[in-house]
Amino acid sequence: MTDSTATTAELDAARLLLAKMGIDPHDLLAPATEPPGSSPSRAPMLAVWIPVVAGLVSPSTARSYGSYWKKVLAEWPDRRLDQITASDIKAMSER
């Protein structure tokens, strides 16, 4: 395309592609907060992910880690997996 005006068909194609990629077009208007070349995080919330993991591990592993998972769920149910830092875990372990 040589000029900067997109056709309706081209815009529809772009919207379809973004939808298939799970990207809201409005997200493209916000300033980038991720490093160049990376994609925005879609990490699940701990309250969603921990029950999934608990259902996939062996009973002995669930017994070993279950008490820790309960503490994490009580402290950070609405945080995403990629929002927990090593210092967060250290601070929790000291409480």
C-alpha atoms as a PDB file:
ATOM      1  CA  MET A   1       0.000   0.000   0.000  1.00  0.00           C
ATOM      2  CA  THR A   2       1.545   3.281  -1.056  1.00  0.00           C
ATOM      3  CA  ASP A   3      -0.690   5.820   0.680  1.00  0.00           C
ATOM      4  CA  SER A   4      -1.483   5.949   4.388  1.00  0.00           C
ATOM      5  CA  THR A   5      -5.257   5.538   4.023  1.00  0.00           C
ATOM      6  CA  ALA A   6      -6.407   1.989   4.740  1.00  0.00           C
ATOM      7  CA  THR A   7      -9.443   0.588   3.010  1.00  0.00           C
ATOM      8  CA  THR A   8     -12.400  -0.818   4.900  1.00  0.00           C
ATOM      9  CA  ALA A   9     -11.353  -4.327   3.883  1.00  0.00           C
ATOM     10  CA  GLU A  10      -7.820  -3.750   5.159  1.00  0.00           C
ATOM     11  CA  LEU A  11      -9.105  -2.398   8.471  1.00  0.00           C
ATOM     12  CA  ASP A  12     -11.466  -5.370   8.808  1.00  0.00           C
ATOM     13  CA  ALA A  13      -8.555  -7.731   8.112  1.00  0.00           C
ATOM     14  CA  ALA A  14      -6.432  -5.987  10.742  1.00  0.00           C
ATOM     15  CA  ARG A  15      -9.251  -6.181  13.299  1.00  0.00           C
ATOM     16  CA  LEU A  16      -9.720  -9.883  12.554  1.00  0.00           C
ATOM     17  CA  LEU A  17      -6.010 -10.565  12.952  1.00  0.00           C
ATOM     18  CA  LEU A  18      -5.869  -8.658  16.244  1.00  0.00           C
ATOM     19  CA  ALA A  19      -8.921 -10.557  17.515  1.00  0.00           C
ATOM     20  CA  LYS A  20      -7.304 -13.887  16.633  1.00  0.00           C
ATOM     21  CA  MET A  21      -4.185 -12.786  18.526  1.00  0.00           C
ATOM     22  CA  GLY A  22      -6.273 -11.790  21.559  1.00  0.00           C
ATOM     23  CA  ILE A  23      -5.308  -8.127  21.268  1.00  0.00           C
ATOM     24  CA  ASP A  24      -7.779  -5.324  21.864  1.00  0.00           C
ATOM     25  CA  PRO A  25      -7.115  -2.501  19.357  1.00  0.00           C
ATOM     26  CA  HIS A  26      -7.302  -0.017  22.250  1.00  0.00           C
ATOM     27  CA  ASP A  27      -4.232  -1.686  23.775  1.00  0.00           C
ATOM     28  CA  LEU A  28      -2.234  -0.418  20.816  1.00  0.00           C
ATOM     29  CA  LEU A  29      -2.993   3.186  21.777  1.00  0.00           C
ATOM     30  CA  ALA A  30      -1.465   2.904  25.265  1.00  0.00           C
ATOM     31  CA  PRO A  31       2.261   3.493  25.682  1.00  0.00           C
ATOM     32  CA  ALA A  32       4.315   0.307  25.693  1.00  0.00           C
ATOM     33  CA  THR A  33       5.278  -0.864  29.163  1.00  0.00           C
ATOM     34  CA  GLU A  34       7.076  -4.016  28.071  1.00  0.00           C
ATOM     35  CA  PRO A  35      10.627  -4.135  26.709  1.00  0.00           C
ATOM     36  CA  PRO A  36      10.899  -4.038  22.914  1.00  0.00           C
ATOM     37  CA  GLY A  37      10.341  -7.436  21.359  1.00  0.00           C
ATOM     38  CA  SER A  38       8.310  -8.822  24.252  1.00  0.00           C
ATOM     39  CA  SER A  39       4.572  -9.212  24.397  1.00  0.00           C
ATOM     40  CA  PRO A  40       2.220  -8.072  27.169  1.00  0.00           C
ATOM     41  CA  SER A  41       1.762 -10.631  29.899  1.00  0.00           C
ATOM     42  CA  ARG A  42      -1.316 -12.776  29.889  1.00  0.00           C
ATOM     43  CA  ALA A  43      -0.299 -14.662  33.030  1.00  0.00           C
ATOM     44  CA  PRO A  44      -3.245 -16.011  35.017  1.00  0.00           C
ATOM     45  CA  MET A  45      -4.266 -14.890  38.472  1.00  0.00           C
ATOM     46  CA  LEU A  46      -3.013 -17.050  41.322  1.00  0.00           C
ATOM     47  CA  ALA A  47      -6.606 -17.798  42.379  1.00  0.00           C
ATOM     48  CA  VAL A  48      -7.134 -19.346  38.955  1.00  0.00           C
ATOM     49  CA  TRP A  49      -3.806 -21.079  38.484  1.00  0.00           C
ATOM     50  CA  ILE A  50      -3.182 -22.705  41.872  1.00  0.00           C
ATOM     51  CA  PRO A  51      -6.312 -24.912  41.729  1.00  0.00           C
ATOM     52  CA  VAL A  52      -5.269 -26.017  38.231  1.00  0.00           C
ATOM     53  CA  VAL A  53      -1.799 -26.965  39.438  1.00  0.00           C
ATOM     54  CA  ALA A  54      -3.187 -28.640  42.555  1.00  0.00           C
ATOM     55  CA  GLY A  55      -5.396 -30.812  40.360  1.00  0.00           C
ATOM     56  CA  LEU A  56      -2.477 -31.893  38.174  1.00  0.00           C
ATOM     57  CA  VAL A  57       0.066 -32.967  40.767  1.00  0.00           C
ATOM     58  CA  SER A  58       0.276 -36.235  42.666  1.00  0.00           C
ATOM     59  CA  PRO A  59      -1.457 -36.518  46.050  1.00  0.00           C
ATOM     60  CA  SER A  60       1.893 -36.493  47.873  1.00  0.00           C
ATOM     61  CA  THR A  61       2.992 -33.327  46.062  1.00  0.00           C
ATOM     62  CA  ALA A  62      -0.351 -31.700  46.860  1.00  0.00           C
ATOM     63  CA  ARG A  63       0.124 -32.584  50.543  1.00  0.00           C
ATOM     64  CA  SER A  64       3.668 -31.161  50.509  1.00  0.00           C
ATOM     65  CA  TYR A  65       2.763 -27.865  48.864  1.00  0.00           C
ATOM     66  CA  GLY A  66      -0.896 -27.466  49.847  1.00  0.00           C
ATOM     67  CA  SER A  67      -0.240 -25.386  52.956  1.00  0.00           C
ATOM     68  CA  TYR A  68       1.941 -22.984  50.956  1.00  0.00           C
ATOM     69  CA  TRP A  69      -0.668 -22.685  48.215  1.00  0.00           C
ATOM     70  CA  LYS A  70      -3.320 -21.823  50.830  1.00  0.00           C
ATOM     71  CA  LYS A  71      -1.126 -19.050  52.238  1.00  0.00           C
ATOM     72  CA  VAL A  72      -0.461 -17.658  48.776  1.00  0.00           C
ATOM     73  CA  LEU A  73      -4.182 -17.695  47.939  1.00  0.00           C
ATOM     74  CA  ALA A  74      -5.001 -15.917  51.198  1.00  0.00           C
ATOM     75  CA  GLU A  75      -2.345 -13.242  50.577  1.00  0.00           C
ATOM     76  CA  TRP A  76      -2.426 -12.702  46.791  1.00  0.00           C
ATOM     77  CA  PRO A  77      -5.590 -14.134  45.208  1.00  0.00           C
ATOM     78  CA  ASP A  78      -5.881 -11.359  42.620  1.00  0.00           C
ATOM     79  CA  ARG A  79      -2.222 -11.122  41.636  1.00  0.00           C
ATOM     80  CA  ARG A  80      -0.916 -12.590  38.405  1.00  0.00           C
ATOM     81  CA  LEU A  81       1.858 -15.162  38.357  1.00  0.00           C
ATOM     82  CA  ASP A  82       4.238 -12.667  36.795  1.00  0.00           C
ATOM     83  CA  GLN A  83       3.587 -10.080  39.506  1.00  0.00           C
ATOM     84  CA  ILE A  84       5.178 -12.067  42.327  1.00  0.00           C
ATOM     85  CA  THR A  85       8.820 -11.246  43.000  1.00  0.00           C
ATOM     86  CA  ALA A  86      11.443 -13.081  45.010  1.00  0.00           C
ATOM     87  CA  SER A  87      11.332 -10.291  47.605  1.00  0.00           C
ATOM     88  CA  ASP A  88       7.532 -10.753  47.899  1.00  0.00           C
ATOM     89  CA  ILE A  89       8.049 -14.436  48.681  1.00  0.00           C
ATOM     90  CA  LYS A  90      10.838 -13.672  51.144  1.00  0.00           C
ATOM     91  CA  ALA A  91       8.685 -11.108  52.949  1.00  0.00           C
ATOM     92  CA  MET A  92       5.784 -13.562  53.152  1.00  0.00           C
ATOM     93  CA  SER A  93       8.050 -16.290  54.528  1.00  0.00           C
ATOM     94  CA  GLU A  94       9.253 -13.927  57.260  1.00  0.00           C
ATOM     95  CA  ARG A  95       5.699 -13.176  58.455  1.00  0.00           C
END
